[in-house]
Amino acid sequence: MRKANIVGVDGSESALNAVRWATADAALHRVPLRLISVGAESLPDKARAAEESARRRWLAVAAQQVDEVAPGVETTSELRRGAPHAVLVEESAQGRRVIVGIRGLGEGGGMMVGSTAETVAMHAECPVVVVRARDVEPADPGPILVGVDGSRVGEAAVAAAFEEASVRHAPLVAVHVWMDVEVEPWLARDDDREWESIDETERAVLAERLAGWREKYPDVEVHRVVERDRPVRYLVEHGRQAQLIVVGSRGRGGMTGMLLGSTSRALLHMAPCPVLIARSTT
């Protein structure tokens, strides 16, 4: 059975942006789409009926968006009750990826607020895509931008980025930014030879991480970028020309307790385009 793209629907424009992105993505990858609207568990009967009626309207509007973007996508809609982030995390165990909007209505009346998106990104069992407030489709022109940290736990991001670049017929920009390696305290800024040596080493790291994937996806045009910069700053700046940024769910160290790396977490709030957080299983 094909795993579905899962989208939370809360009646906000941000959620509809997520629906549009998820629909086009589902069409590209030929997978089903599930629209889920989550309501509060404890409501008086009269309020519960009114709230449920509103959520059915939201799902109907979302279904119309699906028909406009890609009418052939197999779509199901579902009303659920509980905490929005908890429901989406639970659903992620059977999902292909969860797509959320970074903004929505308020905590009291809406679903896709920033904290919900961040919590889902931290705890989901499948990859998560966070879509910004502006209207954007995954078929927009521009490359796939992937952050490569040089660690084995970052392999999931590289794998996802190559797959996305291949299916979207887009170039892949593989970015390895190494200023987060703590060398500055002991290395003089004007020691060009030492900086060149580090740069050469980091380029070799990037080449090693890409080698097998370039053979698997010979159709993907790959551009390597090695920069002495901060990862978030570089990815945000160059994400303005990208259609998607792909990063790993954990940082360079890959610590088990680190549910979301600092770079990935910052990108949720700062990235100018959708962000795919690939889930590492190690």
C-alpha atoms as a PDB file:
ATOM      1  CA  MET A   1       0.000   0.000   0.000  1.00  0.00           C
ATOM      2  CA  ARG A   2       1.349   3.409  -0.951  1.00  0.00           C
ATOM      3  CA  LYS A   3       1.980   5.754   1.940  1.00  0.00           C
ATOM      4  CA  ALA A   4       0.180   9.080   1.692  1.00  0.00           C
ATOM      5  CA  ASN A   5       1.124  12.704   2.039  1.00  0.00           C
ATOM      6  CA  ILE A   6      -0.610  13.966   5.191  1.00  0.00           C
ATOM      7  CA  VAL A   7      -1.765  17.573   5.530  1.00  0.00           C
ATOM      8  CA  GLY A   8      -3.300  19.333   8.512  1.00  0.00           C
ATOM      9  CA  VAL A   9      -6.234  21.583   7.565  1.00  0.00           C
ATOM     10  CA  ASP A  10      -7.330  24.376   9.903  1.00  0.00           C
ATOM     11  CA  GLY A  11      -9.125  26.884   7.667  1.00  0.00           C
ATOM     12  CA  SER A  12      -6.137  29.214   7.384  1.00  0.00           C
ATOM     13  CA  GLU A  13      -4.475  30.393   4.180  1.00  0.00           C
ATOM     14  CA  SER A  14      -1.239  28.868   5.416  1.00  0.00           C
ATOM     15  CA  ALA A  15      -2.880  25.458   5.633  1.00  0.00           C
ATOM     16  CA  LEU A  16      -4.235  25.859   2.093  1.00  0.00           C
ATOM     17  CA  ASN A  17      -0.725  26.682   0.902  1.00  0.00           C
ATOM     18  CA  ALA A  18       0.390  23.432   2.496  1.00  0.00           C
ATOM     19  CA  VAL A  19      -2.474  21.585   0.767  1.00  0.00           C
ATOM     20  CA  ARG A  20      -1.480  22.991  -2.630  1.00  0.00           C
ATOM     21  CA  TRP A  21       2.164  22.062  -2.115  1.00  0.00           C
ATOM     22  CA  ALA A  22       1.298  18.592  -0.848  1.00  0.00           C
ATOM     23  CA  THR A  23      -1.063  18.007  -3.794  1.00  0.00           C
ATOM     24  CA  ALA A  24       1.510  18.864  -6.432  1.00  0.00           C
ATOM     25  CA  ASP A  25       4.074  16.777  -4.551  1.00  0.00           C
ATOM     26  CA  ALA A  26       1.676  13.825  -4.400  1.00  0.00           C
ATOM     27  CA  ALA A  27       1.072  14.094  -8.151  1.00  0.00           C
ATOM     28  CA  LEU A  28       4.811  14.149  -8.846  1.00  0.00           C
ATOM     29  CA  HIS A  29       5.488  11.104  -6.676  1.00  0.00           C
ATOM     30  CA  ARG A  30       2.194   9.344  -7.537  1.00  0.00           C
ATOM     31  CA  VAL A  31       1.059   8.887  -3.951  1.00  0.00           C
ATOM     32  CA  PRO A  32      -2.294   9.482  -2.210  1.00  0.00           C
ATOM     33  CA  LEU A  33      -3.170  12.546  -0.155  1.00  0.00           C
ATOM     34  CA  ARG A  34      -4.856  12.658   3.260  1.00  0.00           C
ATOM     35  CA  LEU A  35      -6.483  15.837   4.531  1.00  0.00           C
ATOM     36  CA  ILE A  36      -6.929  15.875   8.310  1.00  0.00           C
ATOM     37  CA  SER A  37      -8.738  18.459  10.413  1.00  0.00           C
ATOM     38  CA  VAL A  38      -8.313  18.209  14.184  1.00  0.00           C
ATOM     39  CA  GLY A  39     -10.820  19.559  16.678  1.00  0.00           C
ATOM     40  CA  ALA A  40     -10.773  19.977  20.433  1.00  0.00           C
ATOM     41  CA  GLU A  41     -11.827  16.943  22.462  1.00  0.00           C
ATOM     42  CA  SER A  42     -13.844  18.710  25.183  1.00  0.00           C
ATOM     43  CA  LEU A  43     -16.613  20.908  23.818  1.00  0.00           C
ATOM     44  CA  PRO A  44     -20.297  21.402  24.754  1.00  0.00           C
ATOM     45  CA  ASP A  45     -22.634  19.652  22.320  1.00  0.00           C
ATOM     46  CA  LYS A  46     -23.812  22.853  20.622  1.00  0.00           C
ATOM     47  CA  ALA A  47     -20.292  24.227  20.214  1.00  0.00           C
ATOM     48  CA  ARG A  48     -19.076  20.832  19.066  1.00  0.00           C
ATOM     49  CA  ALA A  49     -21.644  20.701  16.268  1.00  0.00           C
ATOM     50  CA  ALA A  50     -20.793  24.208  15.068  1.00  0.00           C
ATOM     51  CA  GLU A  51     -17.067  23.510  15.210  1.00  0.00           C
ATOM     52  CA  GLU A  52     -17.452  20.243  13.325  1.00  0.00           C
ATOM     53  CA  SER A  53     -19.515  21.989  10.656  1.00  0.00           C
ATOM     54  CA  ALA A  54     -16.763  24.581  10.205  1.00  0.00           C
ATOM     55  CA  ARG A  55     -14.103  21.915   9.922  1.00  0.00           C
ATOM     56  CA  ARG A  56     -16.103  20.092   7.264  1.00  0.00           C
ATOM     57  CA  ARG A  57     -16.214  23.334   5.284  1.00  0.00           C
ATOM     58  CA  TRP A  58     -12.454  23.706   5.662  1.00  0.00           C
ATOM     59  CA  LEU A  59     -11.930  20.197   4.333  1.00  0.00           C
ATOM     60  CA  ALA A  60     -14.278  20.905   1.409  1.00  0.00           C
ATOM     61  CA  VAL A  61     -12.314  24.033   0.504  1.00  0.00           C
ATOM     62  CA  ALA A  62      -9.076  22.077   0.770  1.00  0.00           C
ATOM     63  CA  ALA A  63     -10.495  19.371  -1.526  1.00  0.00           C
ATOM     64  CA  GLN A  64     -11.336  22.083  -4.073  1.00  0.00           C
ATOM     65  CA  GLN A  65      -7.708  23.204  -3.965  1.00  0.00           C
ATOM     66  CA  VAL A  66      -6.624  19.647  -4.652  1.00  0.00           C
ATOM     67  CA  ASP A  67      -8.891  19.493  -7.718  1.00  0.00           C
ATOM     68  CA  GLU A  68      -7.463  22.762  -9.013  1.00  0.00           C
ATOM     69  CA  VAL A  69      -3.823  21.722  -8.603  1.00  0.00           C
ATOM     70  CA  ALA A  70      -3.974  18.048  -9.602  1.00  0.00           C
ATOM     71  CA  PRO A  71      -7.475  16.554  -9.996  1.00  0.00           C
ATOM     72  CA  GLY A  72      -6.169  13.030 -10.473  1.00  0.00           C
ATOM     73  CA  VAL A  73      -4.661  12.729  -6.999  1.00  0.00           C
ATOM     74  CA  GLU A  74      -6.364  10.126  -4.812  1.00  0.00           C
ATOM     75  CA  THR A  75      -7.618  12.094  -1.799  1.00  0.00           C
ATOM     76  CA  THR A  76      -9.318  11.261   1.484  1.00  0.00           C
ATOM     77  CA  SER A  77     -10.538  13.632   4.206  1.00  0.00           C
ATOM     78  CA  GLU A  78     -10.885  12.937   7.903  1.00  0.00           C
ATOM     79  CA  LEU A  79     -12.115  14.680  11.047  1.00  0.00           C
ATOM     80  CA  ARG A  80     -10.110  13.903  14.165  1.00  0.00           C
ATOM     81  CA  ARG A  81     -10.147  15.099  17.755  1.00  0.00           C
ATOM     82  CA  GLY A  82      -7.228  15.778  20.060  1.00  0.00           C
ATOM     83  CA  ALA A  83      -4.186  18.018  20.129  1.00  0.00           C
ATOM     84  CA  PRO A  84      -3.239  18.902  16.514  1.00  0.00           C
ATOM     85  CA  HIS A  85       0.460  18.159  16.940  1.00  0.00           C
ATOM     86  CA  ALA A  86      -0.246  14.850  18.696  1.00  0.00           C
ATOM     87  CA  VAL A  87      -2.633  13.693  15.973  1.00  0.00           C
ATOM     88  CA  LEU A  88      -0.227  14.571  13.169  1.00  0.00           C
ATOM     89  CA  VAL A  89       2.684  12.897  14.939  1.00  0.00           C
ATOM     90  CA  GLU A  90       0.555   9.783  15.446  1.00  0.00           C
ATOM     91  CA  GLU A  91      -0.437   9.798  11.767  1.00  0.00           C
ATOM     92  CA  SER A  92       3.191  10.218  10.712  1.00  0.00           C
ATOM     93  CA  ALA A  93       3.898   6.605  11.680  1.00  0.00           C
ATOM     94  CA  GLN A  94       1.956   5.498   8.578  1.00  0.00           C
ATOM     95  CA  GLY A  95       2.609   8.525   6.384  1.00  0.00           C
ATOM     96  CA  ARG A  96       5.066   9.201   3.589  1.00  0.00           C
ATOM     97  CA  ARG A  97       5.540  12.774   4.733  1.00  0.00           C
ATOM     98  CA  VAL A  98       3.619  15.320   6.781  1.00  0.00           C
ATOM     99  CA  ILE A  99       3.140  18.778   5.275  1.00  0.00           C
ATOM    100  CA  VAL A 100       2.348  21.699   7.583  1.00  0.00           C
ATOM    101  CA  GLY A 101       2.009  25.453   7.266  1.00  0.00           C
ATOM    102  CA  ILE A 102       4.225  27.556   9.481  1.00  0.00           C
ATOM    103  CA  ARG A 103       1.435  30.009  10.323  1.00  0.00           C
ATOM    104  CA  GLY A 104      -2.253  29.654  10.920  1.00  0.00           C
ATOM    105  CA  LEU A 105      -4.932  30.924  13.223  1.00  0.00           C
ATOM    106  CA  GLY A 106      -4.292  31.477  16.901  1.00  0.00           C
ATOM    107  CA  GLU A 107      -3.695  28.725  19.443  1.00  0.00           C
ATOM    108  CA  GLY A 108      -7.343  28.860  20.497  1.00  0.00           C
ATOM    109  CA  GLY A 109      -9.009  28.596  17.099  1.00  0.00           C
ATOM    110  CA  GLY A 110      -6.464  27.380  14.609  1.00  0.00           C
ATOM    111  CA  MET A 111      -4.273  24.458  13.903  1.00  0.00           C
ATOM    112  CA  MET A 112      -1.093  25.285  12.063  1.00  0.00           C
ATOM    113  CA  VAL A 113       0.592  27.751  14.380  1.00  0.00           C
ATOM    114  CA  GLY A 114       4.358  27.897  14.490  1.00  0.00           C
ATOM    115  CA  SER A 115       4.634  25.834  17.667  1.00  0.00           C
ATOM    116  CA  THR A 116       2.550  23.030  16.162  1.00  0.00           C
ATOM    117  CA  ALA A 117       4.679  22.916  13.022  1.00  0.00           C
ATOM    118  CA  GLU A 118       7.859  22.850  15.087  1.00  0.00           C
ATOM    119  CA  THR A 119       6.571  20.101  17.374  1.00  0.00           C
ATOM    120  CA  VAL A 120       5.550  17.966  14.397  1.00  0.00           C
ATOM    121  CA  ALA A 121       8.940  18.539  12.784  1.00  0.00           C
ATOM    122  CA  MET A 122      10.659  17.442  15.994  1.00  0.00           C
ATOM    123  CA  HIS A 123       8.644  14.310  16.726  1.00  0.00           C
ATOM    124  CA  ALA A 124       7.213  12.982  13.454  1.00  0.00           C
ATOM    125  CA  GLU A 125       8.305   9.513  12.387  1.00  0.00           C
ATOM    126  CA  CYS A 126       8.410  10.412   8.694  1.00  0.00           C
ATOM    127  CA  PRO A 127       9.854  13.401   6.816  1.00  0.00           C
ATOM    128  CA  VAL A 128       8.146  16.750   7.371  1.00  0.00           C
ATOM    129  CA  VAL A 129       7.726  19.628   4.920  1.00  0.00           C
ATOM    130  CA  VAL A 130       7.086  23.084   6.353  1.00  0.00           C
ATOM    131  CA  VAL A 131       5.527  25.495   3.854  1.00  0.00           C
ATOM    132  CA  ARG A 132       5.890  29.220   4.326  1.00  0.00           C
ATOM    133  CA  ALA A 133       2.939  31.616   4.384  1.00  0.00           C
ATOM    134  CA  ARG A 134       3.360  32.750   0.790  1.00  0.00           C
ATOM    135  CA  ASP A 135       1.758  30.803  -2.020  1.00  0.00           C
ATOM    136  CA  VAL A 136       4.304  28.439  -3.544  1.00  0.00           C
ATOM    137  CA  GLU A 137       4.151  25.202  -5.493  1.00  0.00           C
ATOM    138  CA  PRO A 138       6.883  22.541  -5.585  1.00  0.00           C
ATOM    139  CA  ALA A 139       7.077  22.881  -9.376  1.00  0.00           C
ATOM    140  CA  ASP A 140       8.331  26.471  -9.080  1.00  0.00           C
ATOM    141  CA  PRO A 141      11.548  27.090 -11.023  1.00  0.00           C
ATOM    142  CA  GLY A 142      14.736  26.934  -9.033  1.00  0.00           C
ATOM    143  CA  PRO A 143      17.118  24.309  -7.676  1.00  0.00           C
ATOM    144  CA  ILE A 144      16.831  21.913  -4.777  1.00  0.00           C
ATOM    145  CA  LEU A 145      19.135  23.161  -2.017  1.00  0.00           C
ATOM    146  CA  VAL A 146      20.509  20.569   0.410  1.00  0.00           C
ATOM    147  CA  GLY A 147      22.587  21.177   3.498  1.00  0.00           C
ATOM    148  CA  VAL A 148      25.329  18.552   3.809  1.00  0.00           C
ATOM    149  CA  ASP A 149      26.937  18.528   7.241  1.00  0.00           C
ATOM    150  CA  GLY A 150      29.429  15.769   6.519  1.00  0.00           C
ATOM    151  CA  SER A 151      27.982  13.316   9.045  1.00  0.00           C
ATOM    152  CA  ARG A 152      26.442   9.915   8.417  1.00  0.00           C
ATOM    153  CA  VAL A 153      23.205  10.967  10.121  1.00  0.00           C
ATOM    154  CA  GLY A 154      22.882  13.604   7.396  1.00  0.00           C
ATOM    155  CA  GLU A 155      22.690  10.918   4.715  1.00  0.00           C
ATOM    156  CA  ALA A 156      18.882  10.995   4.800  1.00  0.00           C
ATOM    157  CA  ALA A 157      18.883  14.617   3.659  1.00  0.00           C
ATOM    158  CA  VAL A 158      21.206  13.872   0.746  1.00  0.00           C
ATOM    159  CA  ALA A 159      19.071  10.900  -0.309  1.00  0.00           C
ATOM    160  CA  ALA A 160      15.858  12.938  -0.171  1.00  0.00           C
ATOM    161  CA  ALA A 161      17.417  15.858  -2.037  1.00  0.00           C
ATOM    162  CA  PHE A 162      18.607  13.679  -4.929  1.00  0.00           C
ATOM    163  CA  GLU A 163      15.173  12.048  -5.207  1.00  0.00           C
ATOM    164  CA  GLU A 164      13.425  15.424  -5.264  1.00  0.00           C
ATOM    165  CA  ALA A 165      15.840  16.873  -7.819  1.00  0.00           C
ATOM    166  CA  SER A 166      15.355  13.841 -10.058  1.00  0.00           C
ATOM    167  CA  VAL A 167      11.548  13.786  -9.971  1.00  0.00           C
ATOM    168  CA  ARG A 168      11.318  17.574 -10.409  1.00  0.00           C
ATOM    169  CA  HIS A 169      13.985  17.696 -13.149  1.00  0.00           C
ATOM    170  CA  ALA A 170      15.741  20.388 -11.126  1.00  0.00           C
ATOM    171  CA  PRO A 171      19.414  21.021 -10.475  1.00  0.00           C
ATOM    172  CA  LEU A 172      20.732  20.127  -7.035  1.00  0.00           C
ATOM    173  CA  VAL A 173      22.906  22.540  -5.072  1.00  0.00           C
ATOM    174  CA  ALA A 174      24.781  20.641  -2.357  1.00  0.00           C
ATOM    175  CA  VAL A 175      25.975  23.065   0.310  1.00  0.00           C
ATOM    176  CA  HIS A 176      28.634  22.243   2.874  1.00  0.00           C
ATOM    177  CA  VAL A 177      29.239  25.167   5.218  1.00  0.00           C
ATOM    178  CA  TRP A 178      32.057  24.646   7.645  1.00  0.00           C
ATOM    179  CA  MET A 179      32.332  27.692   9.876  1.00  0.00           C
ATOM    180  CA  ASP A 180      30.315  25.770  12.461  1.00  0.00           C
ATOM    181  CA  VAL A 181      33.409  23.583  12.879  1.00  0.00           C
ATOM    182  CA  GLU A 182      35.072  25.230  15.846  1.00  0.00           C
ATOM    183  CA  VAL A 183      38.380  26.238  14.354  1.00  0.00           C
ATOM    184  CA  GLU A 184      38.308  30.004  14.793  1.00  0.00           C
ATOM    185  CA  PRO A 185      39.391  30.123  18.440  1.00  0.00           C
ATOM    186  CA  TRP A 186      42.787  28.629  17.580  1.00  0.00           C
ATOM    187  CA  LEU A 187      43.282  29.660  13.954  1.00  0.00           C
ATOM    188  CA  ALA A 188      44.306  33.183  13.029  1.00  0.00           C
ATOM    189  CA  ARG A 189      41.980  34.818  10.525  1.00  0.00           C
ATOM    190  CA  ASP A 190      44.857  35.900   8.298  1.00  0.00           C
ATOM    191  CA  ASP A 191      46.492  32.469   8.091  1.00  0.00           C
ATOM    192  CA  ASP A 192      45.464  31.804   4.502  1.00  0.00           C
ATOM    193  CA  ARG A 193      47.406  28.575   4.159  1.00  0.00           C
ATOM    194  CA  GLU A 194      45.636  26.981   7.101  1.00  0.00           C
ATOM    195  CA  TRP A 195      42.231  28.147   5.860  1.00  0.00           C
ATOM    196  CA  GLU A 196      43.004  26.721   2.414  1.00  0.00           C
ATOM    197  CA  SER A 197      43.955  23.396   3.990  1.00  0.00           C
ATOM    198  CA  ILE A 198      40.674  23.248   5.910  1.00  0.00           C
ATOM    199  CA  ASP A 199      38.729  24.240   2.801  1.00  0.00           C
ATOM    200  CA  GLU A 200      40.366  21.456   0.812  1.00  0.00           C
ATOM    201  CA  THR A 201      39.506  18.937   3.515  1.00  0.00           C
ATOM    202  CA  GLU A 202      35.882  20.056   3.625  1.00  0.00           C
ATOM    203  CA  ARG A 203      35.586  19.818  -0.156  1.00  0.00           C
ATOM    204  CA  ALA A 204      36.758  16.226   0.079  1.00  0.00           C
ATOM    205  CA  VAL A 205      34.107  15.560   2.741  1.00  0.00           C
ATOM    206  CA  LEU A 206      31.380  16.902   0.465  1.00  0.00           C
ATOM    207  CA  ALA A 207      32.620  14.908  -2.517  1.00  0.00           C
ATOM    208  CA  GLU A 208      32.619  11.721  -0.433  1.00  0.00           C
ATOM    209  CA  ARG A 209      29.035  12.281   0.732  1.00  0.00           C
ATOM    210  CA  LEU A 210      27.804  12.842  -2.835  1.00  0.00           C
ATOM    211  CA  ALA A 211      29.764  10.144  -4.649  1.00  0.00           C
ATOM    212  CA  GLY A 212      27.372   7.198  -4.424  1.00  0.00           C
ATOM    213  CA  TRP A 213      24.274   9.337  -4.946  1.00  0.00           C
ATOM    214  CA  ARG A 214      25.606  10.890  -8.137  1.00  0.00           C
ATOM    215  CA  GLU A 215      25.976   7.371  -9.553  1.00  0.00           C
ATOM    216  CA  LYS A 216      22.438   6.441  -8.496  1.00  0.00           C
ATOM    217  CA  TYR A 217      20.948   9.611 -10.004  1.00  0.00           C
ATOM    218  CA  PRO A 218      23.031  10.332 -13.151  1.00  0.00           C
ATOM    219  CA  ASP A 219      20.212  12.547 -14.463  1.00  0.00           C
ATOM    220  CA  VAL A 220      20.660  15.095 -11.662  1.00  0.00           C
ATOM    221  CA  GLU A 221      22.834  18.122 -12.366  1.00  0.00           C
ATOM    222  CA  VAL A 222      24.840  18.711  -9.185  1.00  0.00           C
ATOM    223  CA  HIS A 223      26.545  21.911  -8.094  1.00  0.00           C
ATOM    224  CA  ARG A 224      28.866  21.715  -5.101  1.00  0.00           C
ATOM    225  CA  VAL A 225      29.218  24.666  -2.779  1.00  0.00           C
ATOM    226  CA  VAL A 226      31.733  24.786   0.067  1.00  0.00           C
ATOM    227  CA  GLU A 227      31.620  27.978   2.046  1.00  0.00           C
ATOM    228  CA  ARG A 228      33.117  29.457   5.186  1.00  0.00           C
ATOM    229  CA  ASP A 229      29.884  30.769   6.643  1.00  0.00           C
ATOM    230  CA  ARG A 230      27.081  29.957   9.061  1.00  0.00           C
ATOM    231  CA  PRO A 231      24.748  27.231   7.716  1.00  0.00           C
ATOM    232  CA  VAL A 232      21.482  29.040   8.454  1.00  0.00           C
ATOM    233  CA  ARG A 233      22.661  32.327   6.994  1.00  0.00           C
ATOM    234  CA  TYR A 234      23.826  30.749   3.755  1.00  0.00           C
ATOM    235  CA  LEU A 235      20.759  28.527   3.293  1.00  0.00           C
ATOM    236  CA  VAL A 236      18.337  31.373   3.991  1.00  0.00           C
ATOM    237  CA  GLU A 237      20.087  33.744   1.597  1.00  0.00           C
ATOM    238  CA  HIS A 238      20.296  31.260  -1.264  1.00  0.00           C
ATOM    239  CA  GLY A 239      16.914  29.715  -0.512  1.00  0.00           C
ATOM    240  CA  ARG A 240      15.323  32.749  -2.145  1.00  0.00           C
ATOM    241  CA  GLN A 241      16.174  31.249  -5.527  1.00  0.00           C
ATOM    242  CA  ALA A 242      15.389  27.633  -4.529  1.00  0.00           C
ATOM    243  CA  GLN A 243      12.137  25.703  -4.762  1.00  0.00           C
ATOM    244  CA  LEU A 244      12.981  23.536  -1.748  1.00  0.00           C
ATOM    245  CA  ILE A 245      15.567  23.322   1.027  1.00  0.00           C
ATOM    246  CA  VAL A 246      16.384  19.853   2.348  1.00  0.00           C
ATOM    247  CA  VAL A 247      18.072  19.332   5.706  1.00  0.00           C
ATOM    248  CA  GLY A 248      18.478  16.521   8.205  1.00  0.00           C
ATOM    249  CA  SER A 249      16.474  16.148  11.378  1.00  0.00           C
ATOM    250  CA  ARG A 250      19.541  16.147  13.592  1.00  0.00           C
ATOM    251  CA  GLY A 251      22.772  18.059  13.790  1.00  0.00           C
ATOM    252  CA  ARG A 252      26.364  17.131  13.056  1.00  0.00           C
ATOM    253  CA  GLY A 253      26.764  15.081  16.202  1.00  0.00           C
ATOM    254  CA  GLY A 254      23.656  13.012  15.577  1.00  0.00           C
ATOM    255  CA  MET A 255      22.910  12.765  19.296  1.00  0.00           C
ATOM    256  CA  THR A 256      19.905  10.575  20.058  1.00  0.00           C
ATOM    257  CA  GLY A 257      18.378  13.198  22.316  1.00  0.00           C
ATOM    258  CA  MET A 258      18.660  15.909  19.680  1.00  0.00           C
ATOM    259  CA  LEU A 259      15.246  15.680  18.037  1.00  0.00           C
ATOM    260  CA  LEU A 260      15.866  18.614  15.716  1.00  0.00           C
ATOM    261  CA  GLY A 261      19.223  20.173  14.912  1.00  0.00           C
ATOM    262  CA  SER A 262      19.739  23.890  15.470  1.00  0.00           C
ATOM    263  CA  THR A 263      20.061  24.622  11.745  1.00  0.00           C
ATOM    264  CA  SER A 264      16.874  22.739  10.851  1.00  0.00           C
ATOM    265  CA  ARG A 265      14.986  24.386  13.680  1.00  0.00           C
ATOM    266  CA  ALA A 266      16.049  27.883  12.653  1.00  0.00           C
ATOM    267  CA  LEU A 267      15.107  27.246   9.025  1.00  0.00           C
ATOM    268  CA  LEU A 268      11.521  26.474  10.033  1.00  0.00           C
ATOM    269  CA  HIS A 269      11.083  30.129  10.918  1.00  0.00           C
ATOM    270  CA  MET A 270      13.506  31.839   8.532  1.00  0.00           C
ATOM    271  CA  ALA A 271      13.566  29.949   5.234  1.00  0.00           C
ATOM    272  CA  PRO A 272      12.057  31.805   2.249  1.00  0.00           C
ATOM    273  CA  CYS A 273      10.875  28.572   0.598  1.00  0.00           C
ATOM    274  CA  PRO A 274       9.503  25.208   1.764  1.00  0.00           C
ATOM    275  CA  VAL A 275      11.810  23.137   3.973  1.00  0.00           C
ATOM    276  CA  LEU A 276      11.930  19.336   3.892  1.00  0.00           C
ATOM    277  CA  ILE A 277      13.276  17.816   7.098  1.00  0.00           C
ATOM    278  CA  ALA A 278      14.502  14.340   6.275  1.00  0.00           C
ATOM    279  CA  ARG A 279      14.224  11.793   9.055  1.00  0.00           C
ATOM    280  CA  SER A 280      17.312   9.827  10.000  1.00  0.00           C
ATOM    281  CA  THR A 281      16.653   6.303  11.231  1.00  0.00           C
ATOM    282  CA  THR A 282      20.021   5.936  12.950  1.00  0.00           C
END
